[in-house]
Full PDB file with SEQRES, HELIX, SHEET, SSBOND, CRYST1, ORIGX, SCALE, CONECT and MASTER records, all heavy atoms in Angstrom:
SEQRES   1 A   35  GLY PHE VAL MET ARG TRP TYR ARG GLN ALA SER GLY HIS          
SEQRES   2 A   35  GLU ARG GLU VAL VAL ALA THR ILE ALA THR ASN GLY THR          
SEQRES   3 A   35  GLY THR TYR ALA ASP SER VAL LYS GLY                          
HELIX    1 AA1 ASP A   31  VAL A   33  5                                   3    
SHEET    1 AA1 3 MET A   4  ARG A   8  0                                        
SHEET    2 AA1 3 GLU A  16  ILE A  21 -1                                        
SHEET    3 AA1 3 GLY A  27  TYR A  29 -1                                        
CRYST1    1.000    1.000    1.000  90.00  90.00  90.00 P 1           1          
ORIGX1      1.000000  0.000000  0.000000        0.00000                         
ORIGX2      0.000000  1.000000  0.000000        0.00000                         
ORIGX3      0.000000  0.000000  1.000000        0.00000                         
SCALE1      1.000000  0.000000  0.000000        0.00000                         
SCALE2      0.000000  1.000000  0.000000        0.00000                         
SCALE3      0.000000  0.000000  1.000000        0.00000                         
ATOM      1  N   GLY A   1     -76.656 -35.743-104.760  1.00  0.00           N  
ATOM      2  CA  GLY A   1     -77.687 -35.005-104.065  1.00  0.00           C  
ATOM      3  C   GLY A   1     -77.369 -34.699-102.680  1.00  0.00           C  
ATOM      4  O   GLY A   1     -78.254 -34.082-101.849  1.00  0.00           O  
ATOM      5  N   PHE A   2     -76.135 -34.938-102.174  1.00  0.00           N  
ATOM      6  CA  PHE A   2     -75.810 -34.792-100.782  1.00  0.00           C  
ATOM      7  C   PHE A   2     -74.589 -33.952-100.549  1.00  0.00           C  
ATOM      8  O   PHE A   2     -73.625 -33.987-101.359  1.00  0.00           O  
ATOM      9  CB  PHE A   2     -75.540 -36.181-100.078  1.00  0.00           C  
ATOM     10  CG  PHE A   2     -76.894 -36.945 -99.949  1.00  0.00           C  
ATOM     11  CD1 PHE A   2     -77.308 -37.795-101.016  1.00  0.00           C  
ATOM     12  CD2 PHE A   2     -77.543 -36.893 -98.758  1.00  0.00           C  
ATOM     13  CE1 PHE A   2     -78.533 -38.430-100.859  1.00  0.00           C  
ATOM     14  CE2 PHE A   2     -78.731 -37.634 -98.600  1.00  0.00           C  
ATOM     15  CZ  PHE A   2     -79.178 -38.454 -99.700  1.00  0.00           C  
ATOM     16  N   VAL A   3     -74.642 -33.109 -99.529  1.00  0.00           N  
ATOM     17  CA  VAL A   3     -73.429 -32.329 -98.963  1.00  0.00           C  
ATOM     18  C   VAL A   3     -72.434 -33.403 -98.590  1.00  0.00           C  
ATOM     19  O   VAL A   3     -72.795 -34.377 -97.997  1.00  0.00           O  
ATOM     20  CB  VAL A   3     -73.900 -31.420 -97.871  1.00  0.00           C  
ATOM     21  CG1 VAL A   3     -72.707 -30.832 -97.194  1.00  0.00           C  
ATOM     22  CG2 VAL A   3     -74.871 -30.350 -98.379  1.00  0.00           C  
ATOM     23  N   MET A   4     -71.214 -33.060 -98.781  1.00  0.00           N  
ATOM     24  CA  MET A   4     -70.079 -33.939 -98.395  1.00  0.00           C  
ATOM     25  C   MET A   4     -69.114 -33.137 -97.546  1.00  0.00           C  
ATOM     26  O   MET A   4     -68.961 -31.914 -97.685  1.00  0.00           O  
ATOM     27  CB  MET A   4     -69.319 -34.503 -99.581  1.00  0.00           C  
ATOM     28  CG  MET A   4     -70.106 -35.516-100.364  1.00  0.00           C  
ATOM     29  SD  MET A   4     -70.536 -37.007 -99.484  1.00  0.00           S  
ATOM     30  CE  MET A   4     -68.958 -37.695 -99.121  1.00  0.00           C  
ATOM     31  N   ARG A   5     -68.494 -33.775 -96.645  1.00  0.00           N  
ATOM     32  CA  ARG A   5     -67.586 -33.108 -95.735  1.00  0.00           C  
ATOM     33  C   ARG A   5     -66.336 -33.822 -95.427  1.00  0.00           C  
ATOM     34  O   ARG A   5     -66.346 -35.098 -95.352  1.00  0.00           O  
ATOM     35  CB  ARG A   5     -68.446 -32.883 -94.430  1.00  0.00           C  
ATOM     36  CG  ARG A   5     -67.806 -31.989 -93.389  1.00  0.00           C  
ATOM     37  CD  ARG A   5     -68.907 -31.718 -92.344  1.00  0.00           C  
ATOM     38  NE  ARG A   5     -69.778 -30.610 -92.708  1.00  0.00           N  
ATOM     39  CZ  ARG A   5     -70.923 -30.289 -92.192  1.00  0.00           C  
ATOM     40  NH1 ARG A   5     -71.383 -31.018 -91.081  1.00  0.00           N  
ATOM     41  NH2 ARG A   5     -71.670 -29.254 -92.620  1.00  0.00           N  
ATOM     42  N   TRP A   6     -65.226 -33.158 -95.230  1.00  0.00           N  
ATOM     43  CA  TRP A   6     -63.999 -33.753 -94.743  1.00  0.00           C  
ATOM     44  C   TRP A   6     -63.821 -33.282 -93.274  1.00  0.00           C  
ATOM     45  O   TRP A   6     -64.045 -32.132 -92.863  1.00  0.00           O  
ATOM     46  CB  TRP A   6     -62.828 -33.307 -95.481  1.00  0.00           C  
ATOM     47  CG  TRP A   6     -62.594 -33.969 -96.808  1.00  0.00           C  
ATOM     48  CD1 TRP A   6     -62.897 -33.519 -98.075  1.00  0.00           C  
ATOM     49  CD2 TRP A   6     -61.950 -35.241 -97.003  1.00  0.00           C  
ATOM     50  NE1 TRP A   6     -62.534 -34.424 -99.023  1.00  0.00           N  
ATOM     51  CE2 TRP A   6     -61.934 -35.485 -98.382  1.00  0.00           C  
ATOM     52  CE3 TRP A   6     -61.398 -36.153 -96.183  1.00  0.00           C  
ATOM     53  CZ2 TRP A   6     -61.444 -36.665 -98.973  1.00  0.00           C  
ATOM     54  CZ3 TRP A   6     -60.853 -37.319 -96.723  1.00  0.00           C  
ATOM     55  CH2 TRP A   6     -60.818 -37.539 -98.092  1.00  0.00           C  
ATOM     56  N   TYR A   7     -63.428 -34.252 -92.454  1.00  0.00           N  
ATOM     57  CA  TYR A   7     -63.147 -34.060 -91.057  1.00  0.00           C  
ATOM     58  C   TYR A   7     -61.677 -34.491 -90.758  1.00  0.00           C  
ATOM     59  O   TYR A   7     -61.108 -35.221 -91.568  1.00  0.00           O  
ATOM     60  CB  TYR A   7     -64.006 -34.884 -90.185  1.00  0.00           C  
ATOM     61  CG  TYR A   7     -65.497 -34.766 -90.292  1.00  0.00           C  
ATOM     62  CD1 TYR A   7     -66.222 -35.349 -91.379  1.00  0.00           C  
ATOM     63  CD2 TYR A   7     -66.222 -33.972 -89.349  1.00  0.00           C  
ATOM     64  CE1 TYR A   7     -67.582 -35.121 -91.528  1.00  0.00           C  
ATOM     65  CE2 TYR A   7     -67.625 -33.880 -89.499  1.00  0.00           C  
ATOM     66  CZ  TYR A   7     -68.252 -34.402 -90.495  1.00  0.00           C  
ATOM     67  OH  TYR A   7     -69.620 -34.310 -90.682  1.00  0.00           O  
ATOM     68  N   ARG A   8     -61.191 -34.132 -89.648  1.00  0.00           N  
ATOM     69  CA  ARG A   8     -59.890 -34.697 -89.225  1.00  0.00           C  
ATOM     70  C   ARG A   8     -59.856 -34.903 -87.690  1.00  0.00           C  
ATOM     71  O   ARG A   8     -60.615 -34.118 -86.995  1.00  0.00           O  
ATOM     72  CB  ARG A   8     -58.703 -33.790 -89.629  1.00  0.00           C  
ATOM     73  CG  ARG A   8     -58.608 -32.459 -88.976  1.00  0.00           C  
ATOM     74  CD  ARG A   8     -57.463 -31.674 -89.632  1.00  0.00           C  
ATOM     75  NE  ARG A   8     -57.372 -30.345 -89.029  1.00  0.00           N  
ATOM     76  CZ  ARG A   8     -56.534 -29.372 -89.539  1.00  0.00           C  
ATOM     77  NH1 ARG A   8     -55.813 -29.664 -90.625  1.00  0.00           N  
ATOM     78  NH2 ARG A   8     -56.471 -28.229 -88.941  1.00  0.00           N  
ATOM     79  N   GLN A   9     -59.102 -35.760 -87.250  1.00  0.00           N  
ATOM     80  CA  GLN A   9     -58.965 -36.038 -85.769  1.00  0.00           C  
ATOM     81  C   GLN A   9     -57.477 -36.283 -85.487  1.00  0.00           C  
ATOM     82  O   GLN A   9     -56.900 -37.299 -85.943  1.00  0.00           O  
ATOM     83  CB  GLN A   9     -59.754 -37.232 -85.327  1.00  0.00           C  
ATOM     84  CG  GLN A   9     -59.800 -37.426 -83.839  1.00  0.00           C  
ATOM     85  CD  GLN A   9     -60.810 -38.338 -83.403  1.00  0.00           C  
ATOM     86  OE1 GLN A   9     -61.342 -39.146 -84.129  1.00  0.00           O  
ATOM     87  NE2 GLN A   9     -61.236 -38.248 -82.186  1.00  0.00           N  
ATOM     88  N   ALA A  10     -56.926 -35.347 -84.732  1.00  0.00           N  
ATOM     89  CA  ALA A  10     -55.601 -35.495 -84.364  1.00  0.00           C  
ATOM     90  C   ALA A  10     -55.500 -36.257 -82.994  1.00  0.00           C  
ATOM     91  O   ALA A  10     -56.504 -36.259 -82.291  1.00  0.00           O  
ATOM     92  CB  ALA A  10     -54.969 -34.070 -84.146  1.00  0.00           C  
ATOM     93  N   SER A  11     -54.370 -36.859 -82.751  1.00  0.00           N  
ATOM     94  CA  SER A  11     -54.226 -37.609 -81.520  1.00  0.00           C  
ATOM     95  C   SER A  11     -54.622 -36.798 -80.338  1.00  0.00           C  
ATOM     96  O   SER A  11     -54.027 -35.705 -80.120  1.00  0.00           O  
ATOM     97  CB  SER A  11     -52.875 -38.229 -81.452  1.00  0.00           C  
ATOM     98  OG  SER A  11     -52.722 -39.017 -80.292  1.00  0.00           O  
ATOM     99  N   GLY A  12     -55.482 -37.289 -79.422  1.00  0.00           N  
ATOM    100  CA  GLY A  12     -55.808 -36.660 -78.255  1.00  0.00           C  
ATOM    101  C   GLY A  12     -56.784 -35.460 -78.422  1.00  0.00           C  
ATOM    102  O   GLY A  12     -57.093 -34.757 -77.422  1.00  0.00           O  
ATOM    103  N   HIS A  13     -57.303 -35.321 -79.612  1.00  0.00           N  
ATOM    104  CA  HIS A  13     -58.283 -34.192 -79.911  1.00  0.00           C  
ATOM    105  C   HIS A  13     -59.564 -34.769 -80.418  1.00  0.00           C  
ATOM    106  O   HIS A  13     -59.658 -35.864 -80.840  1.00  0.00           O  
ATOM    107  CB  HIS A  13     -57.692 -33.229 -80.932  1.00  0.00           C  
ATOM    108  CG  HIS A  13     -56.506 -32.476 -80.392  1.00  0.00           C  
ATOM    109  ND1 HIS A  13     -55.256 -32.943 -80.253  1.00  0.00           N  
ATOM    110  CD2 HIS A  13     -56.427 -31.169 -79.972  1.00  0.00           C  
ATOM    111  CE1 HIS A  13     -54.469 -32.110 -79.791  1.00  0.00           C  
ATOM    112  NE2 HIS A  13     -55.084 -30.996 -79.616  1.00  0.00           N  
ATOM    113  N   GLU A  14     -60.601 -33.933 -80.436  1.00  0.00           N  
ATOM    114  CA  GLU A  14     -61.897 -34.317 -81.000  1.00  0.00           C  
ATOM    115  C   GLU A  14     -61.874 -34.152 -82.471  1.00  0.00           C  
ATOM    116  O   GLU A  14     -61.081 -33.350 -83.009  1.00  0.00           O  
ATOM    117  CB  GLU A  14     -63.050 -33.429 -80.339  1.00  0.00           C  
ATOM    118  CG  GLU A  14     -63.312 -33.705 -78.934  1.00  0.00           C  
ATOM    119  CD  GLU A  14     -64.509 -32.897 -78.385  1.00  0.00           C  
ATOM    120  OE1 GLU A  14     -65.065 -32.176 -79.123  1.00  0.00           O  
ATOM    121  OE2 GLU A  14     -64.787 -33.097 -77.201  1.00  0.00           O  
ATOM    122  N   ARG A  15     -62.711 -34.902 -83.115  1.00  0.00           N  
ATOM    123  CA  ARG A  15     -62.838 -34.756 -84.566  1.00  0.00           C  
ATOM    124  C   ARG A  15     -63.423 -33.362 -84.968  1.00  0.00           C  
ATOM    125  O   ARG A  15     -64.330 -32.873 -84.248  1.00  0.00           O  
ATOM    126  CB  ARG A  15     -63.810 -35.845 -85.114  1.00  0.00           C  
ATOM    127  CG  ARG A  15     -63.818 -36.110 -86.537  1.00  0.00           C  
ATOM    128  CD  ARG A  15     -64.533 -37.319 -86.908  1.00  0.00           C  
ATOM    129  NE  ARG A  15     -63.986 -38.506 -86.382  1.00  0.00           N  
ATOM    130  CZ  ARG A  15     -64.432 -39.756 -86.590  1.00  0.00           C  
ATOM    131  NH1 ARG A  15     -65.538 -39.906 -87.364  1.00  0.00           N  
ATOM    132  NH2 ARG A  15     -63.822 -40.792 -86.039  1.00  0.00           N  
ATOM    133  N   GLU A  16     -62.888 -32.673 -85.915  1.00  0.00           N  
ATOM    134  CA  GLU A  16     -63.270 -31.413 -86.389  1.00  0.00           C  
ATOM    135  C   GLU A  16     -63.532 -31.399 -87.883  1.00  0.00           C  
ATOM    136  O   GLU A  16     -62.963 -32.174 -88.670  1.00  0.00           O  
ATOM    137  CB  GLU A  16     -62.158 -30.380 -85.997  1.00  0.00           C  
ATOM    138  CG  GLU A  16     -60.920 -30.563 -86.710  1.00  0.00           C  
ATOM    139  CD  GLU A  16     -59.889 -29.478 -86.443  1.00  0.00           C  
ATOM    140  OE1 GLU A  16     -60.230 -28.478 -85.687  1.00  0.00           O  
ATOM    141  OE2 GLU A  16     -58.733 -29.590 -86.867  1.00  0.00           O  
ATOM    142  N   VAL A  17     -64.442 -30.482 -88.179  1.00  0.00           N  
ATOM    143  CA  VAL A  17     -64.745 -30.260 -89.602  1.00  0.00           C  
ATOM    144  C   VAL A  17     -63.616 -29.468 -90.286  1.00  0.00           C  
ATOM    145  O   VAL A  17     -63.226 -28.461 -89.739  1.00  0.00           O  
ATOM    146  CB  VAL A  17     -66.152 -29.505 -89.802  1.00  0.00           C  
ATOM    147  CG1 VAL A  17     -66.401 -29.311 -91.261  1.00  0.00           C  
ATOM    148  CG2 VAL A  17     -67.252 -30.398 -89.207  1.00  0.00           C  
ATOM    149  N   VAL A  18     -63.197 -29.955 -91.380  1.00  0.00           N  
ATOM    150  CA  VAL A  18     -62.130 -29.246 -92.205  1.00  0.00           C  
ATOM    151  C   VAL A  18     -62.749 -28.460 -93.325  1.00  0.00           C  
ATOM    152  O   VAL A  18     -62.464 -27.351 -93.548  1.00  0.00           O  
ATOM    153  CB  VAL A  18     -61.134 -30.307 -92.719  1.00  0.00           C  
ATOM    154  CG1 VAL A  18     -60.078 -29.573 -93.616  1.00  0.00           C  
ATOM    155  CG2 VAL A  18     -60.450 -30.961 -91.523  1.00  0.00           C  
ATOM    156  N   ALA A  19     -63.645 -29.144 -94.130  1.00  0.00           N  
ATOM    157  CA  ALA A  19     -64.214 -28.498 -95.349  1.00  0.00           C  
ATOM    158  C   ALA A  19     -65.455 -29.202 -95.682  1.00  0.00           C  
ATOM    159  O   ALA A  19     -65.670 -30.377 -95.426  1.00  0.00           O  
ATOM    160  CB  ALA A  19     -63.227 -28.569 -96.408  1.00  0.00           C  
ATOM    161  N   THR A  20     -66.365 -28.425 -96.284  1.00  0.00           N  
ATOM    162  CA  THR A  20     -67.691 -28.904 -96.651  1.00  0.00           C  
ATOM    163  C   THR A  20     -67.953 -28.502 -98.054  1.00  0.00           C  
ATOM    164  O   THR A  20     -67.567 -27.394 -98.513  1.00  0.00           O  
ATOM    165  CB  THR A  20     -68.814 -28.250 -95.748  1.00  0.00           C  
ATOM    166  OG1 THR A  20     -68.466 -28.577 -94.415  1.00  0.00           O  
ATOM    167  CG2 THR A  20     -70.173 -28.782 -96.145  1.00  0.00           C  
ATOM    168  N   ILE A  21     -68.517 -29.360 -98.898  1.00  0.00           N  
ATOM    169  CA  ILE A  21     -68.923 -29.012-100.251  1.00  0.00           C  
ATOM    170  C   ILE A  21     -70.385 -29.253-100.486  1.00  0.00           C  
ATOM    171  O   ILE A  21     -70.892 -30.315-100.171  1.00  0.00           O  
ATOM    172  CB  ILE A  21     -68.057 -29.739-101.357  1.00  0.00           C  
ATOM    173  CG1 ILE A  21     -68.281 -29.187-102.726  1.00  0.00           C  
ATOM    174  CG2 ILE A  21     -68.239 -31.263-101.226  1.00  0.00           C  
ATOM    175  CD1 ILE A  21     -67.230 -29.562-103.707  1.00  0.00           C  
ATOM    176  N   ALA A  22     -71.037 -28.180-100.994  1.00  0.00           N  
ATOM    177  CA  ALA A  22     -72.544 -28.298-101.233  1.00  0.00           C  
ATOM    178  C   ALA A  22     -72.724 -29.066-102.537  1.00  0.00           C  
ATOM    179  O   ALA A  22     -71.780 -29.400-103.252  1.00  0.00           O  
ATOM    180  CB  ALA A  22     -73.024 -26.902-101.331  1.00  0.00           C  
ATOM    181  N   THR A  23     -73.977 -29.374-102.843  1.00  0.00           N  
ATOM    182  CA  THR A  23     -74.269 -30.176-104.030  1.00  0.00           C  
ATOM    183  C   THR A  23     -74.030 -29.292-105.264  1.00  0.00           C  
ATOM    184  O   THR A  23     -73.740 -29.859-106.328  1.00  0.00           O  
ATOM    185  CB  THR A  23     -75.759 -30.511-104.022  1.00  0.00           C  
ATOM    186  OG1 THR A  23     -76.598 -29.303-103.890  1.00  0.00           O  
ATOM    187  CG2 THR A  23     -76.098 -31.483-102.888  1.00  0.00           C  
ATOM    188  N   ASN A  24     -73.922 -27.951-105.124  1.00  0.00           N  
ATOM    189  CA  ASN A  24     -73.570 -27.121-106.340  1.00  0.00           C  
ATOM    190  C   ASN A  24     -72.064 -26.891-106.456  1.00  0.00           C  
ATOM    191  O   ASN A  24     -71.668 -26.141-107.298  1.00  0.00           O  
ATOM    192  CB  ASN A  24     -74.338 -25.866-106.276  1.00  0.00           C  
ATOM    193  CG  ASN A  24     -73.863 -24.954-105.119  1.00  0.00           C  
ATOM    194  OD1 ASN A  24     -73.065 -25.350-104.306  1.00  0.00           O  
ATOM    195  ND2 ASN A  24     -74.444 -23.748-105.027  1.00  0.00           N  
ATOM    196  N   GLY A  25     -71.378 -27.550-105.602  1.00  0.00           N  
ATOM    197  CA  GLY A  25     -69.828 -27.426-105.698  1.00  0.00           C  
ATOM    198  C   GLY A  25     -69.255 -26.329-104.843  1.00  0.00           C  
ATOM    199  O   GLY A  25     -68.027 -26.138-104.865  1.00  0.00           O  
ATOM    200  N   THR A  26     -70.022 -25.577-104.164  1.00  0.00           N  
ATOM    201  CA  THR A  26     -69.500 -24.538-103.291  1.00  0.00           C  
ATOM    202  C   THR A  26     -68.846 -25.069-102.081  1.00  0.00           C  
ATOM    203  O   THR A  26     -69.456 -25.876-101.374  1.00  0.00           O  
ATOM    204  CB  THR A  26     -70.665 -23.560-102.907  1.00  0.00           C  
ATOM    205  OG1 THR A  26     -71.219 -22.957-104.087  1.00  0.00           O  
ATOM    206  CG2 THR A  26     -70.067 -22.485-102.013  1.00  0.00           C  
ATOM    207  N   GLY A  27     -67.637 -24.621-101.794  1.00  0.00           N  
ATOM    208  CA  GLY A  27     -66.906 -25.104-100.647  1.00  0.00           C  
ATOM    209  C   GLY A  27     -66.775 -24.136 -99.578  1.00  0.00           C  
ATOM    210  O   GLY A  27     -66.733 -22.935 -99.810  1.00  0.00           O  
ATOM    211  N   THR A  28     -66.831 -24.618 -98.323  1.00  0.00           N  
ATOM    212  CA  THR A  28     -66.519 -23.756 -97.157  1.00  0.00           C  
ATOM    213  C   THR A  28     -65.484 -24.440 -96.337  1.00  0.00           C  
ATOM    214  O   THR A  28     -65.338 -25.681 -96.358  1.00  0.00           O  
ATOM    215  CB  THR A  28     -67.856 -23.508 -96.311  1.00  0.00           C  
ATOM    216  OG1 THR A  28     -68.368 -24.778 -95.924  1.00  0.00           O  
ATOM    217  CG2 THR A  28     -68.893 -22.718 -97.036  1.00  0.00           C  
ATOM    218  N   TYR A  29     -64.692 -23.651 -95.509  1.00  0.00           N  
ATOM    219  CA  TYR A  29     -63.526 -24.127 -94.873  1.00  0.00           C  
ATOM    220  C   TYR A  29     -63.466 -23.658 -93.431  1.00  0.00           C  
ATOM    221  O   TYR A  29     -63.846 -22.553 -93.093  1.00  0.00           O  
ATOM    222  CB  TYR A  29     -62.321 -23.703 -95.644  1.00  0.00           C  
ATOM    223  CG  TYR A  29     -62.344 -24.183 -97.069  1.00  0.00           C  
ATOM    224  CD1 TYR A  29     -62.904 -23.371 -98.048  1.00  0.00           C  
ATOM    225  CD2 TYR A  29     -61.814 -25.381 -97.443  1.00  0.00           C  
ATOM    226  CE1 TYR A  29     -62.982 -23.792 -99.422  1.00  0.00           C  
ATOM    227  CE2 TYR A  29     -61.843 -25.829 -98.775  1.00  0.00           C  
ATOM    228  CZ  TYR A  29     -62.472 -24.999 -99.712  1.00  0.00           C  
ATOM    229  OH  TYR A  29     -62.513 -25.389-101.019  1.00  0.00           O  
ATOM    230  N   ALA A  30     -62.747 -24.566 -92.651  1.00  0.00           N  
ATOM    231  CA  ALA A  30     -62.367 -24.115 -91.333  1.00  0.00           C  
ATOM    232  C   ALA A  30     -61.316 -22.977 -91.430  1.00  0.00           C  
ATOM    233  O   ALA A  30     -60.542 -22.968 -92.414  1.00  0.00           O  
ATOM    234  CB  ALA A  30     -61.738 -25.223 -90.489  1.00  0.00           C  
ATOM    235  N   ASP A  31     -61.289 -22.081 -90.504  1.00  0.00           N  
ATOM    236  CA  ASP A  31     -60.368 -20.880 -90.581  1.00  0.00           C  
ATOM    237  C   ASP A  31     -58.914 -21.436 -90.694  1.00  0.00           C  
ATOM    238  O   ASP A  31     -58.043 -20.814 -91.351  1.00  0.00           O  
ATOM    239  CB  ASP A  31     -60.569 -20.025 -89.379  1.00  0.00           C  
ATOM    240  CG  ASP A  31     -61.790 -19.131 -89.446  1.00  0.00           C  
ATOM    241  OD1 ASP A  31     -62.348 -19.061 -90.626  1.00  0.00           O  
ATOM    242  OD2 ASP A  31     -62.178 -18.708 -88.406  1.00  0.00           O  
ATOM    243  N   SER A  32     -58.597 -22.568 -89.959  1.00  0.00           N  
ATOM    244  CA  SER A  32     -57.260 -23.083 -89.948  1.00  0.00           C  
ATOM    245  C   SER A  32     -56.684 -23.551 -91.264  1.00  0.00           C  
ATOM    246  O   SER A  32     -55.474 -23.659 -91.392  1.00  0.00           O  
ATOM    247  CB  SER A  32     -57.150 -24.197 -88.883  1.00  0.00           C  
ATOM    248  OG  SER A  32     -58.038 -25.269 -89.212  1.00  0.00           O  
ATOM    249  N   VAL A  33     -57.583 -23.802 -92.199  1.00  0.00           N  
ATOM    250  CA  VAL A  33     -57.116 -24.326 -93.530  1.00  0.00           C  
ATOM    251  C   VAL A  33     -57.476 -23.457 -94.701  1.00  0.00           C  
ATOM    252  O   VAL A  33     -57.074 -23.742 -95.847  1.00  0.00           O  
ATOM    253  CB  VAL A  33     -57.686 -25.774 -93.766  1.00  0.00           C  
ATOM    254  CG1 VAL A  33     -57.340 -26.721 -92.556  1.00  0.00           C  
ATOM    255  CG2 VAL A  33     -59.182 -25.791 -94.131  1.00  0.00           C  
ATOM    256  N   LYS A  34     -58.203 -22.365 -94.397  1.00  0.00           N  
ATOM    257  CA  LYS A  34     -58.722 -21.490 -95.463  1.00  0.00           C  
ATOM    258  C   LYS A  34     -57.473 -20.932 -96.237  1.00  0.00           C  
ATOM    259  O   LYS A  34     -56.449 -20.547 -95.682  1.00  0.00           O  
ATOM    260  CB  LYS A  34     -59.520 -20.380 -94.907  1.00  0.00           C  
ATOM    261  CG  LYS A  34     -60.524 -19.675 -95.820  1.00  0.00           C  
ATOM    262  CD  LYS A  34     -61.431 -18.814 -95.018  1.00  0.00           C  
ATOM    263  CE  LYS A  34     -62.380 -19.528 -94.039  1.00  0.00           C  
ATOM    264  NZ  LYS A  34     -63.293 -18.613 -93.398  1.00  0.00           N  
ATOM    265  N   GLY A  35     -57.600 -20.975 -97.601  1.00  0.00           N  
ATOM    266  CA  GLY A  35     -56.470 -20.479 -98.457  1.00  0.00           C  
ATOM    267  C   GLY A  35     -55.421 -21.568 -98.684  1.00  0.00           C  
ATOM    268  O   GLY A  35     -54.515 -21.402 -99.541  1.00  0.00           O  
TER     269      GLY A  35                                                      
MASTER        0    0    0    1    3    0    0    6  268    1    0    3          
END                                                                             
């Protein structure tokens, strides 16, 4: 019943959102990883 998200944090950088998946399975992506 919950949206899930992957994040990443590189050394010396803030944590950023990489990808999100809705409860229906639809995924959205950061431009840097799309495709």
